Amino acid sequence: MTNKTLKNLIVLESNVKIYIPGTIQINQSFDNTEIVNKTLILLSDYFGGSTSYSAIGCWISQNSGLIKENVTICESYCKEIELKKHISAIIDYCENLKKELSQEAISLEVNNKLYFV
C-alpha cells in the first residue's frame, strides 16, 4: 500500500469568480442563463474549466436602497501565469457586462479579494 500525498498532484493556486446578477437596471429580475453560459464558456476557454452555483446577494444601491437578488457565481481555478495572461480580458468582460445589464457594478473576485468593476 502506498501513501498518497499532495506533492505529486497538479496545483491550481489562483481563483477567479464573476458574479452574474439576476437583475438588470438595478432591480428588475431577468433570466441570466444566457449570460451565465457565456461566462462559463469564457472561463473554460481561458482556464480549462469552470463551475457555477447560485447565491443570494444583497447590497445598498445609492438610488434604490437595499437590493436583494439571486446571483450566479461563475468560477475557475487556474495557475497564476494563466491568471496574469487573461485578467485584462476578464476585466474588460466585466466592464461590458456592467454596461449590458445596466448595473452600478459587477463583482469580480480574484484570489479571495473582491473587486467592483
Protein backbone atom coordinates (compact mmCIF):
# COMPACT_ATOMS: atom_id res chain seq x y z
CA MET A 1 0.00 0.00 0.00
CA THR A 2 1.38 3.40 -0.97
CA ASN A 3 0.90 6.64 0.89
CA LYS A 4 -0.66 9.36 -1.23
CA THR A 5 0.47 12.94 -0.84
CA LEU A 6 -0.49 16.23 -2.43
CA LYS A 7 3.01 16.97 -3.67
CA ASN A 8 2.55 14.94 -6.87
CA LEU A 9 -0.78 16.49 -7.80
CA ILE A 10 -1.47 19.42 -10.09
CA VAL A 11 -1.95 22.64 -8.12
CA LEU A 12 -4.12 25.50 -9.35
CA GLU A 13 -3.20 28.27 -6.95
CA SER A 14 -5.39 31.08 -8.33
CA ASN A 15 -9.15 31.52 -8.36
CA VAL A 16 -11.40 33.81 -10.40
CA LYS A 17 -15.11 34.38 -9.74
CA ILE A 18 -17.51 36.53 -11.72
CA TYR A 19 -20.82 37.31 -10.01
CA ILE A 20 -23.65 37.38 -12.57
CA PRO A 21 -26.59 39.42 -11.27
CA GLY A 22 -30.16 38.22 -11.50
CA THR A 23 -31.36 41.74 -12.22
CA ILE A 24 -30.99 44.37 -14.89
CA GLN A 25 -31.27 48.11 -14.39
CA ILE A 26 -30.58 47.64 -10.68
CA ASN A 27 -33.74 45.82 -9.52
CA GLN A 28 -35.63 44.27 -12.45
CA SER A 29 -35.43 40.46 -12.39
CA PHE A 30 -34.35 38.67 -15.56
CA ASP A 31 -33.25 35.22 -16.66
CA ASN A 32 -29.44 35.30 -16.57
CA THR A 33 -28.98 31.81 -18.08
CA GLU A 34 -27.56 33.06 -21.38
CA ILE A 35 -25.04 35.35 -19.65
CA VAL A 36 -24.05 32.57 -17.22
CA ASN A 37 -23.43 30.16 -20.10
CA LYS A 38 -21.39 32.79 -21.95
CA THR A 39 -19.32 33.41 -18.81
CA LEU A 40 -18.73 29.69 -18.20
CA ILE A 41 -17.53 29.30 -21.79
CA LEU A 42 -15.19 32.28 -21.41
CA LEU A 43 -13.67 30.97 -18.17
CA SER A 44 -13.39 27.45 -19.57
CA ASP A 45 -11.64 28.75 -22.69
CA TYR A 46 -9.12 30.67 -20.57
CA PHE A 47 -8.58 28.17 -17.76
CA GLY A 48 -9.71 24.74 -18.95
CA GLY A 49 -12.90 24.51 -16.91
CA SER A 50 -15.42 26.38 -14.79
CA THR A 51 -18.19 25.90 -12.25
CA SER A 52 -21.32 27.88 -11.42
CA TYR A 53 -23.55 28.00 -8.37
CA SER A 54 -26.42 30.11 -7.08
CA ALA A 55 -26.33 32.55 -4.20
CA ILE A 56 -28.36 35.41 -2.75
CA GLY A 57 -26.60 38.76 -2.92
CA CYS A 58 -27.55 41.91 -1.05
CA TRP A 59 -26.20 45.40 -1.43
CA ILE A 60 -27.23 49.00 -0.96
CA SER A 61 -27.95 50.96 -4.12
CA GLN A 62 -27.43 54.70 -3.89
CA ASN A 63 -30.62 55.12 -5.91
CA SER A 64 -32.87 52.26 -4.76
CA GLY A 65 -31.82 51.27 -1.22
CA LEU A 66 -31.47 47.58 -0.27
CA ILE A 67 -31.25 45.28 -3.28
CA LYS A 68 -31.60 41.55 -2.62
CA GLU A 69 -31.18 39.37 -5.68
CA ASN A 70 -30.38 35.95 -6.98
CA VAL A 71 -26.85 35.82 -8.37
CA THR A 72 -24.92 33.11 -10.13
CA ILE A 73 -21.25 32.82 -9.32
CA CYS A 74 -19.09 31.53 -12.17
CA GLU A 75 -15.60 30.46 -11.14
CA SER A 76 -12.42 28.88 -12.33
CA TYR A 77 -9.21 27.77 -10.67
CA CYS A 78 -6.03 28.31 -12.62
CA LYS A 79 -2.29 28.71 -12.50
CA GLU A 80 -1.00 32.18 -11.63
CA ILE A 81 0.59 32.56 -15.07
CA GLU A 82 -2.79 31.91 -16.74
CA LEU A 83 -4.45 34.48 -14.49
CA LYS A 84 -1.87 37.13 -15.43
CA LYS A 85 -2.33 36.30 -19.10
CA HIS A 86 -6.13 36.70 -19.07
CA ILE A 87 -7.00 39.12 -16.26
CA SER A 88 -7.18 42.16 -18.54
CA ALA A 89 -9.68 40.42 -20.82
CA ILE A 90 -11.72 39.30 -17.81
CA ILE A 91 -11.89 42.89 -16.52
CA ASP A 92 -12.99 44.05 -19.98
CA TYR A 93 -15.66 41.33 -19.98
CA CYS A 94 -16.95 42.53 -16.60
CA GLU A 95 -16.99 46.15 -17.79
CA ASN A 96 -19.07 45.11 -20.79
CA LEU A 97 -21.45 43.13 -18.56
CA LYS A 98 -21.89 46.17 -16.35
CA LYS A 99 -22.99 48.24 -19.36
CA GLU A 100 -25.07 45.48 -20.95
CA LEU A 101 -27.00 44.80 -17.73
CA SER A 102 -27.21 48.46 -16.64
CA GLN A 103 -25.52 47.70 -13.32
CA GLU A 104 -23.79 50.05 -10.92
CA ALA A 105 -21.01 47.42 -10.65
CA ILE A 106 -20.12 43.80 -11.43
CA SER A 107 -18.35 41.85 -8.69
CA LEU A 108 -15.10 40.16 -9.66
CA GLU A 109 -13.33 38.05 -7.06
CA VAL A 110 -9.68 37.15 -7.59
CA ASN A 111 -7.79 35.09 -5.04
CA ASN A 112 -10.29 35.89 -2.25
CA LYS A 113 -10.28 39.63 -2.91
CA LEU A 114 -13.47 41.23 -4.18
CA TYR A 115 -13.32 43.99 -6.78
CA PHE A 116 -16.22 46.12 -8.03
CA VAL A 117 -15.83 46.69 -11.76
